[in-house]
Amino acid sequence: MSISVRRATLADVAELHDVAARTFMLACPPGTTQADVDAFVGQHLSAERFAEYLADADRILLLAESDGEPVGYAMLVRGEISDADVGKVVDAERSVELSKFYVLADRHGSGVSGPLMTATLQAAAAAGADTCWLGVNQLNARANRFYEKNGFTLAGTKRFLVGDQWHDDYIRTRPLA
């Protein structure tokens, strides 16, 4: 199995949406309703939204492929931090957010996430950031272990809205130098 990671283009919007729709539930805690997941995907992870994200100069989207098939993606976001809890622990001028990092469930443990993370951190540093930060659900033990293994340490907590439910996230940061 050959893993490659590349910068996504407008030609990839359907694949990005498909991977996002298939993986978003993996980040949600137990009890999250399918209706809330579907609404979130429709509002934030549609093909149209991915086209907008790709056109935004403050966003970097990477697509991981295995033998040419999309199996994961990451999205970095530069700029202003609108969440007050994040703003207390992250310097917006010197950081970039790892907003999305997903690998298809049937590819977990297959060696996709390592190259995707390496490329993501390289892209964050190339964008001029000193620090990469993310929010991850506190109950998502698998993701928290993965981020910790990749040098992301706890910096605080925040809330994340999916549908009508607020979820508790950890804020994790990682120096890029």
N, C-alpha and C. Protein backbone atom coordinates (compact mmCIF):
# COMPACT_ATOMS: atom_id res chain seq x y z
N MET A 1 0.85 -1.17 0.00
CA MET A 1 0.00 0.00 0.00
C MET A 1 0.90 1.24 0.00
N SER A 2 0.68 2.10 -0.97
CA SER A 2 1.45 3.33 -1.10
C SER A 2 0.63 4.51 -0.58
N ILE A 3 1.18 5.22 0.42
CA ILE A 3 0.50 6.38 1.00
C ILE A 3 1.14 7.64 0.44
N SER A 4 0.33 8.57 -0.02
CA SER A 4 0.84 9.87 -0.45
C SER A 4 -0.06 10.95 0.14
N VAL A 5 0.53 12.10 0.35
CA VAL A 5 -0.21 13.26 0.86
C VAL A 5 0.11 14.43 -0.05
N ARG A 6 -0.94 15.12 -0.47
CA ARG A 6 -0.74 16.27 -1.35
C ARG A 6 -1.72 17.38 -0.99
N ARG A 7 -1.41 18.56 -1.46
CA ARG A 7 -2.31 19.69 -1.28
C ARG A 7 -3.57 19.43 -2.10
N ALA A 8 -4.73 19.59 -1.50
CA ALA A 8 -5.99 19.38 -2.19
C ALA A 8 -6.26 20.53 -3.15
N THR A 9 -7.02 20.25 -4.20
CA THR A 9 -7.41 21.25 -5.20
C THR A 9 -8.93 21.24 -5.36
N LEU A 10 -9.43 22.17 -6.13
CA LEU A 10 -10.88 22.23 -6.38
C LEU A 10 -11.40 20.94 -7.00
N ALA A 11 -10.55 20.22 -7.71
CA ALA A 11 -10.97 18.94 -8.30
C ALA A 11 -11.25 17.88 -7.24
N ASP A 12 -10.85 18.15 -6.00
CA ASP A 12 -10.99 17.17 -4.91
C ASP A 12 -12.21 17.41 -4.02
N VAL A 13 -13.06 18.38 -4.32
CA VAL A 13 -14.14 18.72 -3.37
C VAL A 13 -15.06 17.54 -3.10
N ALA A 14 -15.41 16.76 -4.09
CA ALA A 14 -16.32 15.62 -3.86
C ALA A 14 -15.66 14.60 -2.95
N GLU A 15 -14.36 14.32 -3.17
CA GLU A 15 -13.66 13.36 -2.34
C GLU A 15 -13.51 13.87 -0.91
N LEU A 16 -13.18 15.15 -0.75
CA LEU A 16 -13.07 15.73 0.59
C LEU A 16 -14.39 15.62 1.34
N HIS A 17 -15.48 15.98 0.67
CA HIS A 17 -16.81 15.87 1.30
C HIS A 17 -17.11 14.43 1.69
N ASP A 18 -16.81 13.48 0.79
CA ASP A 18 -17.09 12.08 1.07
C ASP A 18 -16.31 11.59 2.29
N VAL A 19 -15.02 11.89 2.34
CA VAL A 19 -14.21 11.47 3.49
C VAL A 19 -14.72 12.15 4.76
N ALA A 20 -15.03 13.44 4.67
CA ALA A 20 -15.53 14.18 5.84
C ALA A 20 -16.85 13.60 6.34
N ALA A 21 -17.76 13.31 5.43
CA ALA A 21 -19.06 12.77 5.82
C ALA A 21 -18.92 11.40 6.46
N ARG A 22 -17.94 10.62 6.02
CA ARG A 22 -17.73 9.27 6.54
C ARG A 22 -16.94 9.25 7.85
N THR A 23 -16.25 10.35 8.17
CA THR A 23 -15.38 10.33 9.34
C THR A 23 -15.80 11.26 10.48
N PHE A 24 -16.64 12.24 10.22
CA PHE A 24 -16.94 13.21 11.27
C PHE A 24 -17.49 12.55 12.53
N MET A 25 -18.34 11.55 12.39
CA MET A 25 -18.93 10.87 13.55
C MET A 25 -17.86 10.26 14.45
N LEU A 26 -16.69 9.93 13.87
CA LEU A 26 -15.61 9.34 14.65
C LEU A 26 -15.11 10.28 15.75
N ALA A 27 -15.30 11.58 15.55
CA ALA A 27 -14.82 12.56 16.52
C ALA A 27 -15.87 12.90 17.58
N CYS A 28 -17.08 12.45 17.38
CA CYS A 28 -18.18 12.82 18.27
C CYS A 28 -18.28 11.85 19.45
N PRO A 29 -18.64 12.37 20.60
CA PRO A 29 -18.79 11.49 21.76
C PRO A 29 -20.06 10.64 21.66
N PRO A 30 -20.11 9.57 22.44
CA PRO A 30 -21.32 8.75 22.47
C PRO A 30 -22.52 9.64 22.81
N GLY A 31 -23.64 9.32 22.20
CA GLY A 31 -24.86 10.10 22.46
C GLY A 31 -25.11 11.18 21.44
N THR A 32 -24.13 11.48 20.59
CA THR A 32 -24.35 12.46 19.53
C THR A 32 -25.33 11.85 18.53
N THR A 33 -26.38 12.56 18.23
CA THR A 33 -27.40 12.00 17.35
C THR A 33 -26.95 12.07 15.89
N GLN A 34 -27.45 11.14 15.10
CA GLN A 34 -27.14 11.14 13.66
C GLN A 34 -27.69 12.40 13.02
N ALA A 35 -28.83 12.89 13.50
CA ALA A 35 -29.39 14.13 12.95
C ALA A 35 -28.44 15.31 13.17
N ASP A 36 -27.83 15.38 14.35
CA ASP A 36 -26.88 16.45 14.62
C ASP A 36 -25.63 16.31 13.74
N VAL A 37 -25.16 15.10 13.57
CA VAL A 37 -24.01 14.86 12.70
C VAL A 37 -24.34 15.26 11.27
N ASP A 38 -25.49 14.83 10.78
CA ASP A 38 -25.90 15.15 9.41
C ASP A 38 -26.02 16.66 9.21
N ALA A 39 -26.58 17.35 10.20
CA ALA A 39 -26.72 18.81 10.10
C ALA A 39 -25.35 19.48 10.07
N PHE A 40 -24.42 19.02 10.92
CA PHE A 40 -23.08 19.59 10.96
C PHE A 40 -22.38 19.36 9.62
N VAL A 41 -22.45 18.14 9.11
CA VAL A 41 -21.82 17.83 7.82
C VAL A 41 -22.43 18.71 6.73
N GLY A 42 -23.75 18.84 6.72
CA GLY A 42 -24.40 19.67 5.71
C GLY A 42 -24.00 21.12 5.78
N GLN A 43 -23.82 21.63 6.99
CA GLN A 43 -23.49 23.04 7.16
C GLN A 43 -21.99 23.34 6.99
N HIS A 44 -21.13 22.43 7.44
CA HIS A 44 -19.69 22.73 7.47
C HIS A 44 -18.82 21.85 6.57
N LEU A 45 -19.33 20.72 6.13
CA LEU A 45 -18.48 19.76 5.41
C LEU A 45 -19.07 19.34 4.06
N SER A 46 -19.91 20.18 3.49
CA SER A 46 -20.48 19.89 2.17
C SER A 46 -19.43 20.14 1.08
N ALA A 47 -19.69 19.66 -0.11
CA ALA A 47 -18.79 19.93 -1.23
C ALA A 47 -18.68 21.43 -1.46
N GLU A 48 -19.79 22.14 -1.34
CA GLU A 48 -19.77 23.60 -1.53
C GLU A 48 -18.88 24.28 -0.50
N ARG A 49 -18.96 23.83 0.74
CA ARG A 49 -18.10 24.42 1.78
C ARG A 49 -16.63 24.11 1.51
N PHE A 50 -16.34 22.89 1.05
CA PHE A 50 -14.95 22.57 0.74
C PHE A 50 -14.43 23.44 -0.40
N ALA A 51 -15.29 23.74 -1.37
CA ALA A 51 -14.87 24.64 -2.45
C ALA A 51 -14.53 26.02 -1.87
N GLU A 52 -15.34 26.49 -0.91
CA GLU A 52 -15.06 27.77 -0.24
C GLU A 52 -13.74 27.69 0.54
N TYR A 53 -13.54 26.59 1.27
CA TYR A 53 -12.32 26.43 2.05
C TYR A 53 -11.09 26.45 1.14
N LEU A 54 -11.18 25.77 0.00
CA LEU A 54 -10.04 25.71 -0.92
C LEU A 54 -9.74 27.08 -1.54
N ALA A 55 -10.76 27.92 -1.66
CA ALA A 55 -10.56 29.25 -2.22
C ALA A 55 -10.05 30.26 -1.19
N ASP A 56 -10.06 29.89 0.08
CA ASP A 56 -9.66 30.76 1.18
C ASP A 56 -8.15 30.69 1.37
N ALA A 57 -7.48 31.81 1.19
CA ALA A 57 -6.01 31.85 1.31
C ALA A 57 -5.52 31.52 2.72
N ASP A 58 -6.40 31.61 3.72
CA ASP A 58 -6.01 31.31 5.10
C ASP A 58 -6.20 29.84 5.47
N ARG A 59 -6.56 29.02 4.49
CA ARG A 59 -6.77 27.59 4.76
C ARG A 59 -5.86 26.76 3.87
N ILE A 60 -5.37 25.68 4.45
CA ILE A 60 -4.56 24.71 3.72
C ILE A 60 -5.24 23.36 3.91
N LEU A 61 -5.59 22.70 2.81
CA LEU A 61 -6.21 21.38 2.88
C LEU A 61 -5.27 20.37 2.24
N LEU A 62 -5.06 19.29 2.95
CA LEU A 62 -4.22 18.20 2.48
C LEU A 62 -5.07 16.95 2.34
N LEU A 63 -4.80 16.18 1.29
CA LEU A 63 -5.53 14.95 1.03
C LEU A 63 -4.56 13.78 1.08
N ALA A 64 -4.88 12.78 1.91
CA ALA A 64 -4.08 11.56 1.98
C ALA A 64 -4.72 10.52 1.08
N GLU A 65 -3.87 9.85 0.30
CA GLU A 65 -4.36 8.83 -0.61
C GLU A 65 -3.57 7.55 -0.42
N SER A 66 -4.26 6.44 -0.60
CA SER A 66 -3.63 5.13 -0.58
C SER A 66 -3.87 4.52 -1.95
N ASP A 67 -2.77 4.31 -2.67
CA ASP A 67 -2.87 3.80 -4.04
C ASP A 67 -3.87 4.62 -4.86
N GLY A 68 -3.83 5.93 -4.69
CA GLY A 68 -4.66 6.84 -5.47
C GLY A 68 -6.07 7.05 -4.95
N GLU A 69 -6.47 6.35 -3.89
CA GLU A 69 -7.82 6.49 -3.33
C GLU A 69 -7.77 7.37 -2.09
N PRO A 70 -8.68 8.37 -1.98
CA PRO A 70 -8.70 9.24 -0.79
C PRO A 70 -9.02 8.43 0.47
N VAL A 71 -8.18 8.62 1.51
CA VAL A 71 -8.37 7.88 2.76
C VAL A 71 -8.31 8.78 3.99
N GLY A 72 -8.01 10.06 3.81
CA GLY A 72 -7.94 10.98 4.93
C GLY A 72 -7.68 12.39 4.45
N TYR A 73 -7.87 13.35 5.36
CA TYR A 73 -7.60 14.73 5.01
C TYR A 73 -7.29 15.52 6.27
N ALA A 74 -6.67 16.67 6.06
CA ALA A 74 -6.40 17.61 7.15
C ALA A 74 -6.66 19.01 6.63
N MET A 75 -7.07 19.89 7.56
CA MET A 75 -7.27 21.30 7.21
C MET A 75 -6.65 22.18 8.28
N LEU A 76 -5.79 23.08 7.84
CA LEU A 76 -5.18 24.08 8.70
C LEU A 76 -5.86 25.42 8.44
N VAL A 77 -6.02 26.21 9.50
CA VAL A 77 -6.66 27.52 9.38
C VAL A 77 -5.79 28.55 10.08
N ARG A 78 -5.37 29.58 9.33
CA ARG A 78 -4.61 30.69 9.91
C ARG A 78 -5.57 31.84 10.20
N GLY A 79 -5.16 32.71 11.11
CA GLY A 79 -5.93 33.93 11.32
C GLY A 79 -6.49 34.08 12.71
N GLU A 80 -7.46 34.97 12.77
CA GLU A 80 -8.08 35.36 14.04
C GLU A 80 -8.70 34.16 14.76
N ILE A 81 -8.60 34.18 16.07
CA ILE A 81 -9.21 33.14 16.91
C ILE A 81 -10.49 33.74 17.50
N SER A 82 -11.63 33.15 17.16
CA SER A 82 -12.90 33.71 17.63
C SER A 82 -13.36 33.13 18.96
N ASP A 83 -12.81 32.00 19.36
CA ASP A 83 -13.20 31.36 20.61
C ASP A 83 -12.39 31.96 21.77
N ALA A 84 -13.08 32.56 22.73
CA ALA A 84 -12.40 33.23 23.85
C ALA A 84 -11.54 32.28 24.67
N ASP A 85 -12.00 31.05 24.86
CA ASP A 85 -11.22 30.08 25.64
C ASP A 85 -9.91 29.74 24.93
N VAL A 86 -9.96 29.61 23.61
CA VAL A 86 -8.74 29.35 22.84
C VAL A 86 -7.83 30.57 22.88
N GLY A 87 -8.43 31.75 22.73
CA GLY A 87 -7.65 32.99 22.74
C GLY A 87 -6.86 33.21 24.02
N LYS A 88 -7.32 32.62 25.12
CA LYS A 88 -6.60 32.74 26.40
C LYS A 88 -5.29 31.96 26.41
N VAL A 89 -5.19 30.90 25.60
CA VAL A 89 -4.03 30.02 25.68
C VAL A 89 -3.24 29.90 24.37
N VAL A 90 -3.74 30.52 23.30
CA VAL A 90 -3.08 30.43 22.00
C VAL A 90 -2.86 31.83 21.44
N ASP A 91 -1.67 32.08 20.94
CA ASP A 91 -1.33 33.35 20.31
C ASP A 91 -1.72 33.28 18.82
N ALA A 92 -2.75 34.01 18.43
CA ALA A 92 -3.26 33.96 17.06
C ALA A 92 -2.22 34.40 16.04
N GLU A 93 -1.34 35.30 16.41
CA GLU A 93 -0.34 35.83 15.49
C GLU A 93 0.72 34.79 15.13
N ARG A 94 0.96 33.86 16.02
CA ARG A 94 2.06 32.92 15.83
C ARG A 94 1.61 31.47 15.67
N SER A 95 0.30 31.26 15.52
CA SER A 95 -0.20 29.89 15.49
C SER A 95 -1.06 29.63 14.27
N VAL A 96 -1.31 28.36 14.03
CA VAL A 96 -2.24 27.90 13.01
C VAL A 96 -3.07 26.79 13.65
N GLU A 97 -4.35 26.76 13.32
CA GLU A 97 -5.24 25.74 13.87
C GLU A 97 -5.26 24.51 12.98
N LEU A 98 -5.12 23.35 13.58
CA LEU A 98 -5.39 22.10 12.89
C LEU A 98 -6.88 21.84 13.11
N SER A 99 -7.67 22.33 12.17
CA SER A 99 -9.12 22.33 12.30
C SER A 99 -9.73 20.96 12.05
N LYS A 100 -9.16 20.23 11.10
CA LYS A 100 -9.68 18.91 10.75
C LYS A 100 -8.51 17.97 10.53
N PHE A 101 -8.64 16.75 11.04
CA PHE A 101 -7.64 15.71 10.80
C PHE A 101 -8.37 14.38 10.92
N TYR A 102 -8.67 13.77 9.78
CA TYR A 102 -9.48 12.55 9.78
C TYR A 102 -8.92 11.51 8.82
N VAL A 103 -9.01 10.26 9.24
CA VAL A 103 -8.66 9.11 8.41
C VAL A 103 -9.85 8.16 8.46
N LEU A 104 -10.19 7.57 7.32
CA LEU A 104 -11.31 6.62 7.28
C LEU A 104 -11.13 5.53 8.33
N ALA A 105 -12.21 5.13 8.96
CA ALA A 105 -12.16 4.16 10.06
C ALA A 105 -11.49 2.86 9.65
N ASP A 106 -11.76 2.39 8.44
CA ASP A 106 -11.16 1.11 8.03
C ASP A 106 -9.68 1.24 7.70
N ARG A 107 -9.14 2.46 7.78
CA ARG A 107 -7.71 2.70 7.55
C ARG A 107 -6.96 3.03 8.84
N HIS A 108 -7.68 3.05 9.96
CA HIS A 108 -7.00 3.27 11.24
C HIS A 108 -5.99 2.16 11.45
N GLY A 109 -4.79 2.53 11.87
CA GLY A 109 -3.74 1.56 12.13
C GLY A 109 -3.02 1.07 10.88
N SER A 110 -3.33 1.65 9.73
CA SER A 110 -2.74 1.18 8.47
C SER A 110 -1.54 2.00 8.02
N GLY A 111 -1.17 3.02 8.79
CA GLY A 111 -0.01 3.83 8.42
C GLY A 111 -0.35 5.09 7.66
N VAL A 112 -1.61 5.48 7.60
CA VAL A 112 -2.01 6.69 6.90
C VAL A 112 -1.77 7.94 7.76
N SER A 113 -2.10 7.86 9.04
CA SER A 113 -2.08 9.05 9.89
C SER A 113 -0.69 9.65 10.08
N GLY A 114 0.34 8.82 10.13
CA GLY A 114 1.70 9.34 10.32
C GLY A 114 2.14 10.26 9.20
N PRO A 115 2.09 9.80 7.94
CA PRO A 115 2.47 10.69 6.84
C PRO A 115 1.56 11.92 6.73
N LEU A 116 0.27 11.75 7.02
CA LEU A 116 -0.63 12.89 6.98
C LEU A 116 -0.26 13.91 8.05
N MET A 117 0.06 13.46 9.26
CA MET A 117 0.46 14.38 10.31
C MET A 117 1.78 15.07 9.96
N THR A 118 2.74 14.32 9.45
CA THR A 118 4.02 14.91 9.08
C THR A 118 3.83 16.01 8.05
N ALA A 119 3.05 15.73 7.01
CA ALA A 119 2.79 16.73 5.97
C ALA A 119 2.03 17.93 6.53
N THR A 120 1.11 17.68 7.45
CA THR A 120 0.32 18.75 8.05
C THR A 120 1.22 19.68 8.86
N LEU A 121 2.08 19.11 9.69
CA LEU A 121 2.96 19.94 10.50
C LEU A 121 3.97 20.69 9.64
N GLN A 122 4.43 20.08 8.56
CA GLN A 122 5.33 20.77 7.64
C GLN A 122 4.61 21.94 6.97
N ALA A 123 3.37 21.74 6.57
CA ALA A 123 2.59 22.81 5.95
C ALA A 123 2.33 23.94 6.94
N ALA A 124 2.08 23.60 8.20
CA ALA A 124 1.85 24.62 9.24
C ALA A 124 3.10 25.46 9.43
N ALA A 125 4.26 24.81 9.50
CA ALA A 125 5.52 25.55 9.65
C ALA A 125 5.81 26.39 8.42
N ALA A 126 5.55 25.85 7.24
CA ALA A 126 5.78 26.59 6.00
C ALA A 126 4.87 27.82 5.90
N ALA A 127 3.73 27.78 6.58
CA ALA A 127 2.81 28.92 6.59
C ALA A 127 3.28 30.01 7.55
N GLY A 128 4.39 29.75 8.24
CA GLY A 128 4.97 30.76 9.13
C GLY A 128 4.56 30.66 10.58
N ALA A 129 3.86 29.61 10.94
CA ALA A 129 3.42 29.46 12.33
C ALA A 129 4.54 28.89 13.19
N ASP A 130 4.54 29.28 14.46
CA ASP A 130 5.46 28.72 15.45
C ASP A 130 4.79 27.60 16.24
N THR A 131 3.45 27.62 16.26
CA THR A 131 2.67 26.68 17.07
C THR A 131 1.47 26.21 16.26
N CYS A 132 1.13 24.95 16.44
CA CYS A 132 -0.10 24.40 15.87
C CYS A 132 -1.01 24.05 17.04
N TRP A 133 -2.29 24.38 16.93
CA TRP A 133 -3.23 24.07 17.99
C TRP A 133 -4.45 23.36 17.41
N LEU A 134 -5.18 22.67 18.26
CA LEU A 134 -6.40 21.97 17.85
C LEU A 134 -7.33 21.83 19.03
N GLY A 135 -8.57 21.54 18.72
CA GLY A 135 -9.56 21.16 19.72
C GLY A 135 -9.95 19.71 19.46
N VAL A 136 -10.02 18.91 20.51
CA VAL A 136 -10.39 17.50 20.37
C VAL A 136 -11.32 17.12 21.52
N ASN A 137 -12.36 16.39 21.19
CA ASN A 137 -13.33 16.01 22.21
C ASN A 137 -12.65 15.28 23.36
N GLN A 138 -13.01 15.65 24.57
CA GLN A 138 -12.39 15.06 25.75
C GLN A 138 -12.64 13.56 25.86
N LEU A 139 -13.73 13.07 25.29
CA LEU A 139 -14.05 11.65 25.38
C LEU A 139 -13.47 10.83 24.23
N ASN A 140 -12.80 11.47 23.30
CA ASN A 140 -12.23 10.77 22.15
C ASN A 140 -10.82 10.29 22.53
N ALA A 141 -10.77 9.17 23.24
CA ALA A 141 -9.51 8.66 23.77
C ALA A 141 -8.51 8.34 22.66
N ARG A 142 -8.98 7.75 21.58
CA ARG A 142 -8.08 7.39 20.47
C ARG A 142 -7.40 8.63 19.90
N ALA A 143 -8.18 9.66 19.61
CA ALA A 143 -7.61 10.88 19.05
C ALA A 143 -6.68 11.57 20.04
N ASN A 144 -7.08 11.61 21.30
CA ASN A 144 -6.22 12.24 22.31
C ASN A 144 -4.88 11.52 22.43
N ARG A 145 -4.89 10.19 22.40
CA ARG A 145 -3.63 9.43 22.43
C ARG A 145 -2.77 9.75 21.21
N PHE A 146 -3.41 9.80 20.05
CA PHE A 146 -2.69 10.09 18.81
C PHE A 146 -2.05 11.48 18.86
N TYR A 147 -2.83 12.48 19.27
CA TYR A 147 -2.28 13.83 19.32
C TYR A 147 -1.16 13.94 20.36
N GLU A 148 -1.33 13.29 21.49
CA GLU A 148 -0.28 13.31 22.52
C GLU A 148 1.00 12.65 21.98
N LYS A 149 0.84 11.53 21.29
CA LYS A 149 1.98 10.84 20.70
C LYS A 149 2.71 11.73 19.68
N ASN A 150 1.96 12.65 19.07
CA ASN A 150 2.53 13.54 18.06
C ASN A 150 2.93 14.90 18.63
N GLY A 151 3.07 14.98 19.96
CA GLY A 151 3.63 16.18 20.58
C GLY A 151 2.65 17.27 20.96
N PHE A 152 1.36 17.01 20.84
CA PHE A 152 0.35 18.01 21.24
C PHE A 152 0.07 17.86 22.74
N THR A 153 0.28 18.93 23.49
CA THR A 153 0.05 18.89 24.93
C THR A 153 -1.19 19.68 25.29
N LEU A 154 -1.77 19.36 26.44
CA LEU A 154 -2.97 20.06 26.90
C LEU A 154 -2.63 21.50 27.25
N ALA A 155 -3.50 22.40 26.76
CA ALA A 155 -3.30 23.83 27.04
C ALA A 155 -4.54 24.45 27.67
N GLY A 156 -5.69 23.78 27.57
CA GLY A 156 -6.93 24.33 28.11
C GLY A 156 -8.12 23.52 27.65
N THR A 157 -9.31 24.10 27.85
CA THR A 157 -10.55 23.46 27.42
C THR A 157 -11.42 24.48 26.71
N LYS A 158 -12.34 23.97 25.90
CA LYS A 158 -13.30 24.82 25.21
C LYS A 158 -14.56 24.01 24.94
N ARG A 159 -15.57 24.66 24.42
CA ARG A 159 -16.83 24.00 24.05
C ARG A 159 -16.94 23.95 22.53
N PHE A 160 -17.65 22.94 22.01
CA PHE A 160 -17.82 22.77 20.58
C PHE A 160 -19.26 22.36 20.32
N LEU A 161 -19.94 23.09 19.47
CA LEU A 161 -21.36 22.86 19.20
C LEU A 161 -21.56 21.96 17.99
N VAL A 162 -22.31 20.86 18.21
CA VAL A 162 -22.73 19.98 17.12
C VAL A 162 -24.24 19.88 17.24
N GLY A 163 -24.94 20.44 16.27
CA GLY A 163 -26.40 20.50 16.36
C GLY A 163 -26.81 21.35 17.54
N ASP A 164 -27.60 20.78 18.44
CA ASP A 164 -28.03 21.49 19.64
C ASP A 164 -27.23 21.09 20.87
N GLN A 165 -26.19 20.27 20.69
CA GLN A 165 -25.43 19.76 21.83
C GLN A 165 -24.06 20.41 21.91
N TRP A 166 -23.75 20.91 23.10
CA TRP A 166 -22.41 21.41 23.37
C TRP A 166 -21.56 20.25 23.86
N HIS A 167 -20.34 20.17 23.34
CA HIS A 167 -19.40 19.13 23.72
C HIS A 167 -18.17 19.77 24.35
N ASP A 168 -17.52 19.05 25.24
CA ASP A 168 -16.32 19.55 25.90
C ASP A 168 -15.08 19.06 25.16
N ASP A 169 -14.25 20.02 24.76
CA ASP A 169 -13.01 19.71 24.03
C ASP A 169 -11.80 20.10 24.85
N TYR A 170 -10.71 19.40 24.60
CA TYR A 170 -9.41 19.85 25.07
C TYR A 170 -8.82 20.75 23.99
N ILE A 171 -8.09 21.75 24.41
CA ILE A 171 -7.25 22.53 23.50
C ILE A 171 -5.86 21.95 23.64
N ARG A 172 -5.27 21.54 22.53
CA ARG A 172 -3.93 20.98 22.54
C ARG A 172 -3.05 21.84 21.64
N THR A 173 -1.81 22.03 22.04
CA THR A 173 -0.85 22.81 21.25
C THR A 173 0.43 22.03 21.05
N ARG A 174 1.14 22.41 19.98
CA ARG A 174 2.42 21.76 19.67
C ARG A 174 3.34 22.80 19.03
N PRO A 175 4.55 22.96 19.56
CA PRO A 175 5.50 23.85 18.90
C PRO A 175 5.94 23.23 17.57
N LEU A 176 6.22 24.08 16.60
CA LEU A 176 6.61 23.59 15.28
C LEU A 176 8.11 23.64 15.04
N ALA A 177 8.84 24.27 15.95
CA ALA A 177 10.31 24.37 15.76
C ALA A 177 11.01 23.26 16.51
